[in-house]
Amino acid sequence: MGDYKHELQIDQLLRDINLKAEQLMADDSEAHNAGISDVPLPILGDEDYLEEEEDSTGKEAWKQMRLIALKEREQTVWQRRKQYFQTMLRHHVINEWIRENTKLETTETPRLRETILEALRKDRSQELKTYLADVLDHGITKADKNVKRRRRGGWAWLAYFWAIGRGIVYLGAVIAVFSVAESPFQKVSLAVIILIGNMLLRERANDGLYRIRLGSAIDQYFNSLRHFFKIPESDDERETRANAHIEVDNDVARTTIVVFISHLFEFIVWVVCVIELIRTIW
């Protein structure tokens, strides 16, 4: 019963944002509560037209062009005004929903509001519904932790343990190699070779993470173009795209932690090599 109630509350929030903010279907009282009535608006000034007595045809064409330019400026102003009203109503709708359905502190409201807006900008409605359900059940702190847990994935710990185990073996092998080296020449040569290999390993790990982030950035640009040109999209396509975005975020989160673990062991190996070089030279 509680889950169904939460679903209705979340659907009502998304509906209000779409109708009242995006389509400006809010009534006068809601507009007043959002602060729209009290906001000074820019005034469009009238322009005087240039007169050319010698060329009546050019004069008429010039007047028409000035009218078109004025209409374009008016349209731009109205579009900015519309976006400004949409932003104010969007914030008002979300703030009212948070106040009525949650027990969050006043200082936590802006953070939750920005999280909701960010998810809507990225067209992640299903992920947002899951997040808001956690907020209604457990609060914003627990909901944030659940988001991180979902992004890491259930099998992520295997990748972390594998990275740690591989790092321990790598570090142990380096120490063992230095322990069997007899001459200073061998130690210096081994240290240089290991440092070069260390650098290559670091670049390889960074390259994998870079490719994932680059693919995510390109996909976001394509989504922006799709919204700008208002390209139609079916529900199945939207759901597939949203799931792909979630999967990419999960890959980025897991890969970032694995890369951090690898970098940590590579740094330790670098320190060991530097110490061996210093001891050998001195």
Protein backbone atom coordinates (compact mmCIF):
# COMPACT_ATOMS: atom_id res chain seq x y z
CA MET A 1 0.00 0.00 0.00
CA GLY A 2 2.84 2.37 0.85
CA ASP A 3 4.61 1.70 -2.45
CA TYR A 4 1.41 2.46 -4.40
CA LYS A 5 0.93 5.71 -2.46
CA HIS A 6 4.51 6.72 -3.15
CA GLU A 7 4.06 5.94 -6.84
CA LEU A 8 0.99 8.19 -6.97
CA GLN A 9 2.84 11.00 -5.18
CA ILE A 10 5.82 10.76 -7.53
CA ASP A 11 3.61 10.62 -10.64
CA GLN A 12 1.73 13.69 -9.40
CA LEU A 13 5.03 15.57 -9.01
CA LEU A 14 6.18 14.71 -12.55
CA ARG A 15 2.73 15.60 -13.93
CA ASP A 16 2.72 18.98 -12.19
CA ILE A 17 6.21 19.79 -13.47
CA ASN A 18 5.18 18.97 -17.03
CA LEU A 19 1.82 20.75 -17.03
CA LYS A 20 2.34 23.70 -14.69
CA ALA A 21 5.99 24.49 -15.42
CA GLU A 22 6.71 23.23 -18.94
CA GLN A 23 3.30 24.09 -20.44
CA LEU A 24 2.51 27.05 -18.12
CA MET A 25 -0.89 25.63 -17.15
CA ALA A 26 -0.67 26.90 -13.57
CA ASP A 27 -3.50 29.09 -12.30
CA ASP A 28 -3.04 32.70 -11.16
CA SER A 29 -2.73 31.82 -7.47
CA GLU A 30 0.04 29.32 -8.13
CA ALA A 31 1.83 31.81 -10.34
CA HIS A 32 1.59 34.38 -7.55
CA ASN A 33 2.91 31.88 -4.99
CA ALA A 34 5.82 31.09 -7.30
CA GLY A 35 6.74 34.79 -7.28
CA ILE A 36 5.95 35.52 -10.92
CA SER A 37 3.56 38.39 -10.24
CA ASP A 38 6.17 40.29 -8.24
CA VAL A 39 9.02 39.96 -10.76
CA PRO A 40 9.85 43.05 -12.90
CA LEU A 41 9.84 42.08 -16.58
CA PRO A 42 11.88 43.58 -19.44
CA ILE A 43 9.93 46.05 -21.61
CA LEU A 44 10.14 45.90 -25.39
CA GLY A 45 10.89 49.33 -26.88
CA ASP A 46 9.43 50.61 -30.13
CA GLU A 47 11.89 51.43 -32.92
CA ASP A 48 11.58 54.33 -35.37
CA TYR A 49 11.92 53.30 -39.00
CA LEU A 50 14.36 54.97 -41.38
CA GLU A 51 12.73 56.86 -44.23
CA GLU A 52 14.10 56.88 -47.76
CA GLU A 53 12.20 59.30 -49.98
CA GLU A 54 14.15 58.57 -53.16
CA ASP A 55 13.39 54.83 -53.35
CA SER A 56 9.86 53.90 -52.33
CA THR A 57 10.45 50.21 -53.11
CA GLY A 58 13.56 50.06 -50.95
CA LYS A 59 11.73 51.99 -48.24
CA GLU A 60 8.91 49.47 -48.15
CA ALA A 61 11.29 46.52 -48.10
CA TRP A 62 13.24 48.15 -45.27
CA LYS A 63 10.06 48.61 -43.23
CA GLN A 64 9.12 45.00 -43.70
CA MET A 65 12.56 43.86 -42.69
CA ARG A 66 12.47 46.02 -39.55
CA LEU A 67 9.08 44.52 -38.66
CA ILE A 68 10.47 41.02 -39.08
CA ALA A 69 13.52 41.89 -36.97
CA LEU A 70 11.27 43.37 -34.27
CA LYS A 71 9.11 40.24 -34.26
CA GLU A 72 12.21 38.08 -33.93
CA ARG A 73 13.42 40.14 -30.97
CA GLU A 74 9.98 39.93 -29.38
CA GLN A 75 9.92 36.17 -29.89
CA THR A 76 13.34 35.87 -28.26
CA VAL A 77 12.22 37.92 -25.27
CA TRP A 78 9.01 35.92 -24.89
CA GLN A 79 10.95 32.67 -25.16
CA ARG A 80 13.34 33.77 -22.41
CA ARG A 81 10.41 34.93 -20.32
CA LYS A 82 8.72 31.58 -20.82
CA GLN A 83 11.87 29.73 -19.74
CA TYR A 84 12.16 31.98 -16.69
CA PHE A 85 8.54 31.32 -15.69
CA GLN A 86 9.03 27.60 -16.30
CA THR A 87 12.05 27.58 -13.99
CA MET A 88 10.20 29.42 -11.22
CA LEU A 89 7.13 27.19 -11.46
CA ARG A 90 9.27 24.08 -11.68
CA HIS A 91 11.08 25.04 -8.46
CA HIS A 92 7.78 25.92 -6.77
CA VAL A 93 6.14 22.62 -7.71
CA ILE A 94 9.10 20.60 -6.48
CA ASN A 95 9.43 22.61 -3.25
CA GLU A 96 5.73 22.16 -2.47
CA TRP A 97 5.95 18.41 -3.14
CA ILE A 98 8.97 18.09 -0.84
CA ARG A 99 7.24 20.11 1.88
CA GLU A 100 4.01 18.08 1.70
CA ASN A 101 5.46 14.56 1.31
CA THR A 102 8.78 14.55 3.15
CA LYS A 103 10.18 15.59 6.50
CA LEU A 104 13.42 17.00 5.13
CA GLU A 105 15.15 19.93 6.72
CA THR A 106 14.99 23.26 4.91
CA THR A 107 18.69 23.02 4.10
CA GLU A 108 18.18 19.66 2.37
CA THR A 109 15.40 20.86 0.06
CA PRO A 110 17.66 22.59 -2.52
CA ARG A 111 19.84 19.49 -2.83
CA LEU A 112 16.87 17.21 -3.47
CA ARG A 113 15.36 19.74 -5.88
CA GLU A 114 18.57 19.93 -7.91
CA THR A 115 18.78 16.14 -7.97
CA ILE A 116 15.24 15.96 -9.37
CA LEU A 117 15.96 18.64 -11.98
CA GLU A 118 19.20 16.96 -13.03
CA ALA A 119 17.43 13.63 -13.54
CA LEU A 120 14.70 15.33 -15.59
CA ARG A 121 17.30 17.12 -17.75
CA LYS A 122 18.94 13.77 -18.47
CA ASP A 123 15.54 12.14 -19.13
CA ARG A 124 15.98 9.54 -16.40
CA SER A 125 12.42 9.33 -15.13
CA GLN A 126 12.54 5.68 -14.11
CA GLU A 127 15.75 6.15 -12.14
CA LEU A 128 14.22 9.27 -10.56
CA LYS A 129 11.12 7.33 -9.48
CA THR A 130 13.28 4.73 -7.74
CA TYR A 131 15.31 7.44 -6.04
CA LEU A 132 12.25 9.38 -4.85
CA ALA A 133 10.67 6.18 -3.52
CA ASP A 134 13.80 5.68 -1.40
CA VAL A 135 13.56 9.30 -0.23
CA LEU A 136 9.96 8.81 0.86
CA ASP A 137 10.78 5.52 2.61
CA HIS A 138 14.17 6.18 4.19
CA GLY A 139 15.15 9.84 3.71
CA ILE A 140 17.61 11.56 1.40
CA THR A 141 20.80 10.24 3.06
CA LYS A 142 19.78 6.60 2.69
CA ALA A 143 18.52 7.26 -0.85
CA ASP A 144 21.89 8.71 -1.87
CA LYS A 145 23.66 5.65 -0.46
CA ASN A 146 21.31 3.36 -2.40
CA VAL A 147 22.10 5.26 -5.60
CA LYS A 148 25.82 4.70 -5.07
CA ARG A 149 25.21 1.03 -4.27
CA ARG A 150 23.14 0.53 -7.43
CA ARG A 151 25.80 2.26 -9.52
CA ARG A 152 28.56 0.07 -8.12
CA GLY A 153 26.54 -3.05 -8.87
CA GLY A 154 26.26 -6.32 -6.97
CA TRP A 155 29.34 -7.92 -8.52
CA ALA A 156 31.54 -4.84 -8.30
CA TRP A 157 33.33 -6.17 -5.21
CA LEU A 158 34.78 -9.00 -7.30
CA ALA A 159 36.44 -6.45 -9.56
CA TYR A 160 37.74 -4.57 -6.53
CA PHE A 161 39.16 -7.72 -4.91
CA TRP A 162 40.72 -8.71 -8.22
CA ALA A 163 42.36 -5.27 -8.54
CA ILE A 164 43.66 -5.49 -4.95
CA GLY A 165 44.98 -9.02 -5.45
CA ARG A 166 46.66 -8.10 -8.72
CA GLY A 167 48.24 -5.06 -7.05
CA ILE A 168 49.60 -7.16 -4.17
CA VAL A 169 51.12 -9.67 -6.58
CA TYR A 170 52.62 -6.85 -8.63
CA LEU A 171 54.14 -5.20 -5.57
CA GLY A 172 55.44 -8.52 -4.23
CA ALA A 173 57.04 -9.35 -7.57
CA VAL A 174 58.82 -5.99 -7.68
CA ILE A 175 60.20 -6.43 -4.16
CA ALA A 176 61.28 -9.99 -4.95
CA VAL A 177 63.08 -8.89 -8.11
CA PHE A 178 65.03 -6.22 -6.23
CA SER A 179 65.93 -8.71 -3.48
CA VAL A 180 67.63 -11.09 -5.92
CA ALA A 181 69.47 -8.36 -7.83
CA GLU A 182 73.16 -8.48 -6.93
CA SER A 183 74.98 -5.64 -8.63
CA PRO A 184 74.11 -1.94 -8.60
CA PHE A 185 73.80 -2.10 -12.41
CA GLN A 186 71.10 -4.74 -12.16
CA LYS A 187 69.17 -2.74 -9.58
CA VAL A 188 69.33 0.46 -11.61
CA SER A 189 68.30 -1.36 -14.80
CA LEU A 190 65.41 -3.11 -13.08
CA ALA A 191 64.22 0.15 -11.48
CA VAL A 192 64.19 1.95 -14.86
CA ILE A 193 62.37 -0.92 -16.58
CA ILE A 194 59.79 -1.16 -13.80
CA LEU A 195 59.19 2.61 -13.84
CA ILE A 196 58.59 2.52 -17.60
CA GLY A 197 56.20 -0.41 -17.22
CA ASN A 198 54.48 1.37 -14.35
CA MET A 199 53.86 4.39 -16.56
CA LEU A 200 52.43 2.21 -19.36
CA LEU A 201 50.07 0.47 -16.94
CA ARG A 202 48.81 3.81 -15.64
CA GLU A 203 48.16 5.12 -19.15
CA ARG A 204 46.34 1.93 -20.08
CA ALA A 205 44.01 2.20 -17.08
CA ASN A 206 43.34 5.88 -17.76
CA ASP A 207 42.61 5.15 -21.42
CA GLY A 208 39.86 2.67 -20.55
CA LEU A 209 38.14 5.14 -18.25
CA TYR A 210 38.55 7.92 -20.80
CA ARG A 211 36.82 5.86 -23.51
CA ILE A 212 33.83 5.18 -21.28
CA ARG A 213 33.48 8.85 -20.33
CA LEU A 214 33.91 9.96 -23.94
CA GLY A 215 31.13 7.64 -25.08
CA SER A 216 28.87 8.97 -22.32
CA ALA A 217 29.61 12.60 -23.29
CA ILE A 218 28.89 11.93 -26.98
CA ASP A 219 25.62 10.25 -26.06
CA GLN A 220 24.60 13.27 -23.98
CA TYR A 221 25.30 15.60 -26.91
CA PHE A 222 23.11 13.45 -29.17
CA ASN A 223 20.34 13.55 -26.57
CA SER A 224 20.59 17.35 -26.47
CA LEU A 225 20.24 17.47 -30.25
CA ARG A 226 17.26 15.12 -30.07
CA HIS A 227 15.52 17.41 -27.58
CA PHE A 228 16.44 20.54 -29.55
CA PHE A 229 15.01 19.22 -32.83
CA LYS A 230 12.13 17.50 -31.00
CA ILE A 231 12.76 14.16 -32.68
CA PRO A 232 9.93 11.74 -31.73
CA GLU A 233 10.87 8.78 -29.57
CA SER A 234 8.79 5.76 -28.58
CA ASP A 235 8.46 4.56 -25.00
CA ASP A 236 10.55 1.47 -25.73
CA GLU A 237 13.34 3.58 -27.24
CA ARG A 238 13.27 5.95 -24.27
CA GLU A 239 13.40 3.07 -21.80
CA THR A 240 16.26 1.43 -23.69
CA ARG A 241 18.19 4.69 -23.76
CA ALA A 242 17.57 5.29 -20.04
CA ASN A 243 18.79 1.78 -19.16
CA ALA A 244 21.88 2.33 -21.32
CA HIS A 245 22.62 5.58 -19.45
CA ILE A 246 22.32 3.81 -16.10
CA GLU A 247 24.63 1.05 -17.27
CA VAL A 248 27.21 3.56 -18.47
CA ASP A 249 27.08 5.36 -15.11
CA ASN A 250 27.59 2.04 -13.36
CA ASP A 251 30.59 1.25 -15.57
CA VAL A 252 32.10 4.66 -14.88
CA ALA A 253 31.65 4.29 -11.10
CA ARG A 254 33.11 0.77 -11.01
CA THR A 255 35.97 1.54 -13.38
CA THR A 256 36.90 4.69 -11.44
CA ILE A 257 37.31 2.72 -8.21
CA VAL A 258 39.30 -0.03 -9.96
CA VAL A 259 41.57 2.58 -11.57
CA PHE A 260 42.09 4.27 -8.19
CA ILE A 261 43.14 0.96 -6.62
CA SER A 262 45.54 0.27 -9.50
CA HIS A 263 47.03 3.76 -9.22
CA LEU A 264 47.56 3.27 -5.50
CA PHE A 265 49.67 0.14 -6.00
CA GLU A 266 51.50 1.73 -8.94
CA PHE A 267 52.40 4.65 -6.70
CA ILE A 268 53.73 2.28 -4.03
CA VAL A 269 55.83 0.52 -6.69
CA TRP A 270 57.12 3.90 -7.85
CA VAL A 271 58.17 4.73 -4.28
CA VAL A 272 59.95 1.36 -3.96
CA CYS A 273 61.84 1.97 -7.23
CA VAL A 274 62.87 5.48 -6.17
CA ILE A 275 64.10 4.21 -2.80
CA GLU A 276 66.14 1.47 -4.50
CA LEU A 277 67.66 4.00 -6.89
CA ILE A 278 68.64 6.32 -4.07
CA ARG A 279 70.16 3.48 -2.02
CA THR A 280 72.09 2.22 -5.04
CA ILE A 281 73.47 5.62 -6.04
CA TRP A 282 74.46 6.64 -2.53
